[in-house]
Amino acid sequence: MSYSTVGVIFSNIHDEEIPELSKHRTMASIPFGGRYRLVDFPLSNMVNSGITTVGIVTKNNYQSLLQHLSSGKDWDLARKDGGIILLPPYSNESDKPYFSRLEALFSIKSFLEHRKEDFVVLCDCDGVLRIDLSKIVRFHDENKADITMVYHEAERISSSYSIALSPDKIGRIKSLKIDPAVNGELLPLYINIMVVRREYLIDLVENASQYGYTSFGRDILAKNVDTMRIFGYPFSGYYAGIDSLQAYFKHSMELLNGSVRGEVFGSHDVYTKVRDSAPTLYKAGATVKNSLISDGCLIEGTVENSILFRGVKVGKGSVVRNCILMQDCLIGMGVWLESVISDKGAVIRDGRHLAGCEALPYFIGKGRML
């Protein structure tokens, strides 16, 4: 990247949107796609775009995130200067954890002040996409923008927090609506990737603190859209917004489509923690169709249109169809599962029949036995 840029990833901002999967972990460390975590996608986008210093903003439940990121060597970020820097939820001026994005930015103000890079790329962990962030930084600089927000044309069908943008012909945002009361229409929706000059961001955070502002969207963006040079950068590739358990299930299942996999895992690598596991063992009589099976699994039954993480065991005579089974799940003999999401280490005993549907997948919590 020709522009000096530091990355910031928010690991906890969207935890409340998927309470089922974020009960024991951050949004950033939710497993996805058989062997990845959601943090791998923004982190890989940054690494592939030449960003070599990334601050990870934490808050709570981040033990699994720490174990996953470790020293950062799997992303080539184990460096003496820069690399992955874990940022605590407390600032030097407060002993209380943040509750909003703006408070989170204030808590890492000292980190931003000690950096020397010209630009900051801010990313959340609620989206799966492959994007060249260097192009956005160049767009931001060439347009002399104060803030550049990446957006994607999509239908707003969720009740979760969203920002709809109205860019003009050159990309400048003329109006901005938070939580528009529109469902089923295509809108240019902000996808939680933003570029801003580092010093400008520090000034914004300091001024917001003086005025007692708490919301970056409502108190800064919406109130100043007429006076600030806010630009929108269109993203037209594949984007999966993970804002509910249903969305998680839907977009996970989309990975079984070869064209979608090509867009997500195509020419640029998606890096993750490397684990040395034995290859999956398929016993006599096992049947597998259109599925993603990670290393270390043992398959004796039938698996169709499903995603199995590392170490899953499917017993003889069992049928697993349209399911997501996370690490070390144990499926007994004669089990029938349809549209099930099973968290890590769950045990389904012999003969159980469990089913959900695409709109309401059946969820099994971490370590549960049924």
Protein backbone atom coordinates (compact mmCIF):
# COMPACT_ATOMS: atom_id res chain seq x y z
CA MET A 1 0.00 0.00 0.00
CA SER A 2 1.50 3.34 -1.06
CA TYR A 3 -0.49 5.19 1.63
CA SER A 4 0.60 4.66 5.24
CA THR A 5 -2.44 3.10 6.91
CA VAL A 6 -3.25 1.52 10.25
CA GLY A 7 -6.19 -0.84 10.71
CA VAL A 8 -8.68 -0.99 13.58
CA ILE A 9 -11.06 -3.94 13.99
CA PHE A 10 -13.97 -3.86 16.45
CA SER A 11 -14.42 -7.36 17.86
CA ASN A 12 -17.50 -6.94 20.09
CA ILE A 13 -19.65 -4.25 18.48
CA HIS A 14 -22.33 -6.66 17.14
CA ASP A 15 -22.38 -9.32 19.88
CA GLU A 16 -26.00 -8.65 20.79
CA GLU A 17 -27.16 -9.48 17.25
CA ILE A 18 -26.26 -13.18 17.58
CA PRO A 19 -26.54 -13.89 21.32
CA GLU A 20 -26.72 -17.63 20.65
CA LEU A 21 -23.18 -17.72 19.22
CA SER A 22 -21.63 -14.80 21.14
CA LYS A 23 -22.58 -16.03 24.61
CA HIS A 24 -19.14 -17.57 25.13
CA ARG A 25 -17.11 -15.58 22.59
CA THR A 26 -16.86 -12.28 20.75
CA MET A 27 -18.51 -11.66 17.38
CA ALA A 28 -14.99 -11.69 15.95
CA SER A 29 -14.32 -15.27 17.02
CA ILE A 30 -17.59 -16.83 15.80
CA PRO A 31 -16.64 -19.83 13.61
CA PHE A 32 -17.53 -19.58 9.92
CA GLY A 33 -17.03 -21.65 6.80
CA GLY A 34 -15.61 -24.82 8.35
CA ARG A 35 -12.24 -23.52 9.54
CA TYR A 36 -12.37 -19.74 9.87
CA ARG A 37 -13.48 -17.12 12.39
CA LEU A 38 -15.30 -13.94 11.37
CA VAL A 39 -12.25 -11.84 12.33
CA ASP A 40 -10.23 -13.63 9.64
CA PHE A 41 -12.04 -11.79 6.85
CA PRO A 42 -11.38 -8.13 7.82
CA LEU A 43 -7.93 -9.09 9.05
CA SER A 44 -7.05 -10.87 5.79
CA ASN A 45 -8.42 -7.95 3.76
CA MET A 46 -6.08 -5.65 5.65
CA VAL A 47 -3.05 -7.90 5.25
CA ASN A 48 -3.74 -8.41 1.53
CA SER A 49 -4.02 -4.62 1.16
CA GLY A 50 -0.60 -4.04 2.71
CA ILE A 51 -1.71 -2.96 6.19
CA THR A 52 0.80 -4.37 8.67
CA THR A 53 -0.42 -2.77 11.91
CA VAL A 54 -3.89 -3.72 13.14
CA GLY A 55 -5.44 -2.80 16.48
CA ILE A 56 -8.11 -5.24 17.70
CA VAL A 57 -10.58 -3.49 20.02
CA THR A 58 -11.80 -5.94 22.68
CA LYS A 59 -14.44 -5.73 25.41
CA ASN A 60 -15.46 -9.07 26.93
CA ASN A 61 -15.52 -12.82 26.22
CA TYR A 62 -12.31 -12.46 24.23
CA GLN A 63 -10.40 -15.51 25.54
CA SER A 64 -11.12 -17.54 22.39
CA LEU A 65 -10.14 -14.53 20.26
CA LEU A 66 -6.78 -14.31 22.04
CA GLN A 67 -6.17 -18.02 21.49
CA HIS A 68 -7.08 -17.71 17.82
CA LEU A 69 -4.93 -14.67 17.05
CA SER A 70 -2.01 -15.72 19.25
CA SER A 71 1.13 -13.89 18.06
CA GLY A 72 -0.36 -13.08 14.64
CA LYS A 73 2.15 -15.24 12.75
CA ASP A 74 -0.55 -16.96 10.68
CA TRP A 75 -1.34 -13.56 9.14
CA ASP A 76 2.35 -12.59 8.87
CA LEU A 77 1.73 -10.05 11.64
CA ALA A 78 4.18 -11.32 14.26
CA ARG A 79 6.31 -8.18 14.15
CA LYS A 80 8.43 -6.15 16.54
CA ASP A 81 6.96 -2.94 15.15
CA GLY A 82 3.25 -3.11 14.48
CA GLY A 83 1.52 -6.40 13.79
CA ILE A 84 -1.58 -7.32 15.80
CA ILE A 85 -2.12 -5.09 18.83
CA LEU A 86 -4.88 -6.07 21.26
CA LEU A 87 -6.57 -2.97 22.67
CA PRO A 88 -8.34 -3.14 26.06
CA PRO A 89 -11.87 -1.79 26.57
CA TYR A 90 -10.68 0.86 29.02
CA SER A 91 -9.07 4.21 28.26
CA ASN A 92 -6.47 6.03 30.33
CA GLU A 93 -9.24 8.38 31.47
CA SER A 94 -11.95 5.87 32.36
CA ASP A 95 -12.27 2.59 34.25
CA LYS A 96 -15.57 1.69 32.59
CA PRO A 97 -15.85 -0.39 29.40
CA TYR A 98 -17.30 1.24 26.32
CA PHE A 99 -20.95 0.88 25.27
CA SER A 100 -20.85 2.41 21.80
CA ARG A 101 -18.51 2.74 18.83
CA LEU A 102 -17.71 6.33 19.77
CA GLU A 103 -16.79 5.34 23.31
CA ALA A 104 -14.68 2.49 21.90
CA LEU A 105 -12.79 5.00 19.73
CA PHE A 106 -12.23 7.23 22.74
CA SER A 107 -10.86 4.25 24.69
CA ILE A 108 -8.19 3.69 21.99
CA LYS A 109 -7.35 7.37 21.50
CA SER A 110 -3.89 6.93 22.98
CA PHE A 111 -3.21 4.10 20.50
CA LEU A 112 -4.19 6.38 17.61
CA GLU A 113 -2.09 9.24 18.99
CA HIS A 114 1.03 7.07 19.17
CA ARG A 115 0.73 5.83 15.60
CA LYS A 116 2.43 7.65 12.72
CA GLU A 117 0.27 6.47 9.79
CA ASP A 118 -1.74 9.01 7.80
CA PHE A 119 -4.95 6.99 7.46
CA VAL A 120 -7.08 4.65 9.56
CA VAL A 121 -9.28 1.86 8.18
CA LEU A 122 -12.06 0.93 10.61
CA CYS A 123 -13.75 -2.47 10.17
CA ASP A 124 -16.30 -4.53 12.06
CA CYS A 125 -16.58 -8.32 12.18
CA ASP A 126 -20.16 -8.68 10.98
CA GLY A 127 -19.42 -8.97 7.26
CA VAL A 128 -17.86 -11.60 5.02
CA LEU A 129 -16.33 -10.17 1.85
CA ARG A 130 -13.10 -9.83 -0.08
CA ILE A 131 -12.14 -6.22 -0.77
CA ASP A 132 -9.00 -4.28 -1.69
CA LEU A 133 -8.81 -1.63 1.03
CA SER A 134 -5.93 0.19 -0.69
CA LYS A 135 -8.33 1.28 -3.43
CA ILE A 136 -10.66 2.80 -0.84
CA VAL A 137 -7.80 4.72 0.79
CA ARG A 138 -6.76 6.04 -2.62
CA PHE A 139 -10.37 7.03 -3.39
CA HIS A 140 -10.55 8.79 -0.01
CA ASP A 141 -7.36 10.75 -0.60
CA GLU A 142 -8.11 11.70 -4.21
CA ASN A 143 -11.52 13.09 -3.23
CA LYS A 144 -10.07 14.94 -0.21
CA ALA A 145 -12.77 13.29 1.86
CA ASP A 146 -13.13 13.67 5.60
CA ILE A 147 -14.75 10.24 5.89
CA THR A 148 -15.29 7.49 3.32
CA MET A 149 -17.95 4.88 4.01
CA VAL A 150 -18.17 1.63 2.03
CA TYR A 151 -21.70 0.67 0.99
CA HIS A 152 -23.41 -2.22 -0.74
CA GLU A 153 -26.73 -2.28 -2.57
CA ALA A 154 -28.99 -4.60 -0.61
CA GLU A 155 -32.47 -5.05 0.77
CA ARG A 156 -32.98 -3.93 4.33
CA ILE A 157 -34.97 -6.81 5.74
CA SER A 158 -33.52 -6.93 9.24
CA SER A 159 -34.47 -4.95 12.30
CA SER A 160 -30.83 -4.47 13.27
CA TYR A 161 -29.08 -1.09 13.21
CA SER A 162 -28.28 0.10 9.69
CA ILE A 163 -27.31 3.27 7.84
CA ALA A 164 -28.65 4.05 4.36
CA LEU A 165 -26.57 6.46 2.25
CA SER A 166 -27.56 8.77 -0.59
CA PRO A 167 -24.45 9.47 -2.72
CA ASP A 168 -24.41 11.94 -5.61
CA LYS A 169 -22.72 11.37 -8.99
CA ILE A 170 -19.20 11.84 -7.62
CA GLY A 171 -19.86 9.75 -4.52
CA ARG A 172 -20.38 12.50 -1.94
CA ILE A 173 -23.06 11.61 0.60
CA LYS A 174 -25.87 14.18 0.47
CA SER A 175 -28.10 12.55 3.07
CA LEU A 176 -27.84 9.74 5.57
CA LYS A 177 -30.67 7.82 7.21
CA ILE A 178 -30.21 5.67 10.29
CA ASP A 179 -32.57 2.68 10.57
CA PRO A 180 -34.75 3.69 7.59
CA ALA A 181 -38.32 2.44 7.91
CA VAL A 182 -38.12 0.57 4.63
CA ASN A 183 -38.14 -3.18 4.07
CA GLY A 184 -37.76 -5.09 0.82
CA GLU A 185 -36.24 -2.24 -1.22
CA LEU A 186 -32.69 -2.04 -2.57
CA LEU A 187 -30.76 0.57 -0.60
CA PRO A 188 -27.10 1.64 -0.51
CA LEU A 189 -26.39 0.32 2.98
CA TYR A 190 -23.19 1.06 4.89
CA ILE A 191 -21.27 -2.17 5.58
CA ASN A 192 -19.15 -1.00 8.52
CA ILE A 193 -15.91 -0.26 6.67
CA MET A 194 -14.68 3.31 6.96
CA VAL A 195 -11.55 5.28 6.02
CA VAL A 196 -10.54 8.48 7.78
CA ARG A 197 -7.35 10.45 8.33
CA ARG A 198 -5.84 9.51 11.68
CA GLU A 199 -5.45 13.06 13.00
CA TYR A 200 -8.95 13.98 11.83
CA LEU A 201 -10.39 10.96 13.65
CA ILE A 202 -8.61 11.95 16.87
CA ASP A 203 -10.08 15.47 16.61
CA LEU A 204 -13.56 14.03 16.04
CA VAL A 205 -13.30 11.79 19.09
CA GLU A 206 -11.98 14.57 21.32
CA ASN A 207 -14.68 17.03 20.25
CA ALA A 208 -17.39 14.40 20.69
CA SER A 209 -16.16 13.74 24.22
CA GLN A 210 -16.35 17.45 25.09
CA TYR A 211 -19.95 17.63 23.89
CA GLY A 212 -20.95 14.40 25.62
CA TYR A 213 -21.81 12.59 22.39
CA THR A 214 -22.24 8.82 22.55
CA SER A 215 -23.19 7.71 19.02
CA PHE A 216 -20.80 7.98 16.06
CA GLY A 217 -23.65 7.53 13.59
CA ARG A 218 -26.26 9.83 15.08
CA ASP A 219 -24.11 12.46 16.78
CA ILE A 220 -21.30 12.82 14.22
CA LEU A 221 -22.32 11.47 10.82
CA ALA A 222 -26.02 12.36 10.74
CA LYS A 223 -25.59 15.80 12.32
CA ASN A 224 -22.71 16.85 10.07
CA VAL A 225 -23.51 15.27 6.70
CA ASP A 226 -24.03 18.74 5.18
CA THR A 227 -20.78 20.25 6.44
CA MET A 228 -18.35 17.29 6.36
CA ARG A 229 -17.00 15.80 3.14
CA ILE A 230 -18.45 12.31 3.60
CA PHE A 231 -18.04 10.06 0.56
CA GLY A 232 -19.45 6.65 -0.24
CA TYR A 233 -17.40 3.90 -1.89
CA PRO A 234 -19.56 1.33 -3.71
CA PHE A 235 -18.80 -2.36 -3.26
CA SER A 236 -20.45 -4.59 -5.86
CA GLY A 237 -18.96 -8.00 -5.01
CA TYR A 238 -20.31 -10.71 -2.76
CA TYR A 239 -21.16 -9.47 0.73
CA ALA A 240 -22.64 -11.49 3.59
CA GLY A 241 -23.93 -9.40 6.46
CA ILE A 242 -24.11 -11.50 9.63
CA ASP A 243 -26.74 -9.76 11.77
CA SER A 244 -28.81 -12.68 13.08
CA LEU A 245 -28.67 -16.44 13.55
CA GLN A 246 -30.82 -16.79 10.42
CA ALA A 247 -28.38 -14.67 8.40
CA TYR A 248 -25.47 -16.72 9.74
CA PHE A 249 -27.17 -19.91 8.61
CA LYS A 250 -28.16 -18.50 5.22
CA HIS A 251 -24.72 -17.14 4.33
CA SER A 252 -22.95 -20.24 5.63
CA MET A 253 -25.09 -22.39 3.33
CA GLU A 254 -24.24 -20.07 0.41
CA LEU A 255 -20.63 -21.27 0.69
CA LEU A 256 -21.79 -24.61 -0.73
CA ASN A 257 -22.30 -22.75 -4.02
CA GLY A 258 -19.08 -22.89 -6.02
CA SER A 259 -19.39 -19.37 -7.43
CA VAL A 260 -19.85 -17.89 -3.96
CA ARG A 261 -16.84 -19.81 -2.64
CA GLY A 262 -14.85 -18.45 -5.57
CA GLU A 263 -15.73 -14.88 -4.64
CA VAL A 264 -14.97 -15.33 -0.95
CA PHE A 265 -11.86 -17.51 -1.22
CA GLY A 266 -10.64 -16.58 -4.70
CA SER A 267 -7.43 -14.92 -5.78
CA HIS A 268 -6.65 -13.37 -2.39
CA ASP A 269 -6.06 -15.74 0.50
CA VAL A 270 -8.19 -15.73 3.63
CA TYR A 271 -5.76 -16.47 6.44
CA THR A 272 -6.60 -18.25 9.67
CA LYS A 273 -4.91 -20.09 12.48
CA VAL A 274 -3.22 -23.19 11.11
CA ARG A 275 -3.90 -26.42 13.00
CA ASP A 276 -2.16 -29.70 12.30
CA SER A 277 -4.96 -32.25 12.20
CA ALA A 278 -5.18 -35.69 10.66
CA PRO A 279 -7.18 -35.97 7.41
CA THR A 280 -10.87 -36.80 7.68
CA LEU A 281 -11.63 -40.52 7.76
CA TYR A 282 -14.56 -41.78 5.70
CA LYS A 283 -15.59 -45.27 6.81
CA ALA A 284 -17.19 -47.88 4.55
CA GLY A 285 -20.80 -46.96 3.91
CA ALA A 286 -20.29 -43.23 4.45
CA THR A 287 -21.95 -40.86 1.96
CA VAL A 288 -21.04 -37.20 1.52
CA LYS A 289 -22.66 -34.81 -0.98
CA ASN A 290 -22.05 -31.09 -1.58
CA SER A 291 -20.51 -30.42 1.81
CA LEU A 292 -17.48 -28.71 3.37
CA ILE A 293 -15.67 -31.15 5.65
CA SER A 294 -12.69 -29.97 7.70
CA ASP A 295 -9.73 -32.08 8.81
CA GLY A 296 -9.95 -34.48 11.70
CA CYS A 297 -13.54 -35.63 11.15
CA LEU A 298 -14.84 -39.20 11.25
CA ILE A 299 -17.78 -39.92 8.92
CA GLU A 300 -19.68 -43.19 9.13
CA GLY A 301 -23.14 -41.94 8.11
CA THR A 302 -24.59 -39.58 5.50
CA VAL A 303 -23.72 -35.88 5.21
CA GLU A 304 -25.50 -33.69 2.64
CA ASN A 305 -25.35 -29.93 2.00
CA SER A 306 -23.62 -29.35 5.32
CA ILE A 307 -20.57 -27.70 6.87
CA LEU A 308 -18.54 -29.69 9.38
CA PHE A 309 -15.77 -28.11 11.39
CA ARG A 310 -12.67 -29.89 12.66
CA GLY A 311 -13.06 -33.04 14.74
CA VAL A 312 -16.76 -33.75 14.09
CA LYS A 313 -17.85 -37.38 14.32
CA VAL A 314 -20.95 -38.67 12.53
CA GLY A 315 -22.04 -42.15 13.63
CA LYS A 316 -23.22 -45.09 11.56
CA GLY A 317 -26.73 -44.76 10.15
CA SER A 318 -26.97 -41.06 10.95
CA VAL A 319 -28.15 -38.44 8.43
CA VAL A 320 -26.89 -34.86 8.62
CA ARG A 321 -28.60 -32.60 6.09
CA ASN A 322 -28.39 -28.78 5.69
CA CYS A 323 -26.50 -28.46 8.97
CA ILE A 324 -23.58 -26.56 10.49
CA LEU A 325 -21.68 -28.63 13.05
CA MET A 326 -18.87 -26.83 14.84
CA GLN A 327 -15.65 -28.23 16.24
CA ASP A 328 -15.67 -31.57 18.10
CA CYS A 329 -19.41 -32.24 17.84
CA LEU A 330 -20.30 -35.89 18.37
CA ILE A 331 -23.27 -37.30 16.45
CA GLY A 332 -24.28 -40.76 17.63
CA MET A 333 -25.75 -43.65 15.63
CA GLY A 334 -29.12 -43.45 13.93
CA VAL A 335 -29.40 -39.68 14.39
CA TRP A 336 -31.34 -37.50 11.92
CA LEU A 337 -30.49 -33.79 11.76
CA GLU A 338 -32.08 -31.24 9.39
CA SER A 339 -31.26 -27.47 9.38
CA VAL A 340 -29.36 -27.60 12.67
CA ILE A 341 -26.61 -25.31 13.96
CA SER A 342 -24.61 -27.06 16.65
CA ASP A 343 -22.04 -25.10 18.64
CA LYS A 344 -18.68 -26.49 19.68
CA GLY A 345 -18.49 -29.77 21.57
CA ALA A 346 -22.20 -30.68 21.47
CA VAL A 347 -23.21 -34.33 21.80
CA ILE A 348 -26.29 -35.77 20.06
CA ARG A 349 -27.07 -39.19 21.46
CA ASP A 350 -28.16 -42.22 19.46
CA GLY A 351 -31.54 -42.13 17.76
CA ARG A 352 -32.29 -38.43 18.21
CA HIS A 353 -34.29 -36.61 15.47
CA LEU A 354 -33.84 -32.82 15.43
CA ALA A 355 -35.01 -30.41 12.74
CA GLY A 356 -35.37 -26.72 12.02
CA CYS A 357 -35.78 -24.77 8.80
CA GLU A 358 -33.89 -22.10 6.88
CA ALA A 359 -35.92 -19.30 8.48
CA LEU A 360 -35.52 -20.79 11.96
CA PRO A 361 -32.60 -23.23 12.27
CA TYR A 362 -32.54 -25.46 15.32
CA PHE A 363 -29.70 -24.31 17.58
CA ILE A 364 -27.74 -26.48 20.01
CA GLY A 365 -25.58 -24.61 22.51
CA LYS A 366 -21.91 -25.14 23.24
CA GLY A 367 -21.16 -28.40 25.03
CA ARG A 368 -24.80 -29.46 25.32
CA MET A 369 -25.89 -33.08 25.32
CA LEU A 370 -29.22 -34.03 23.77
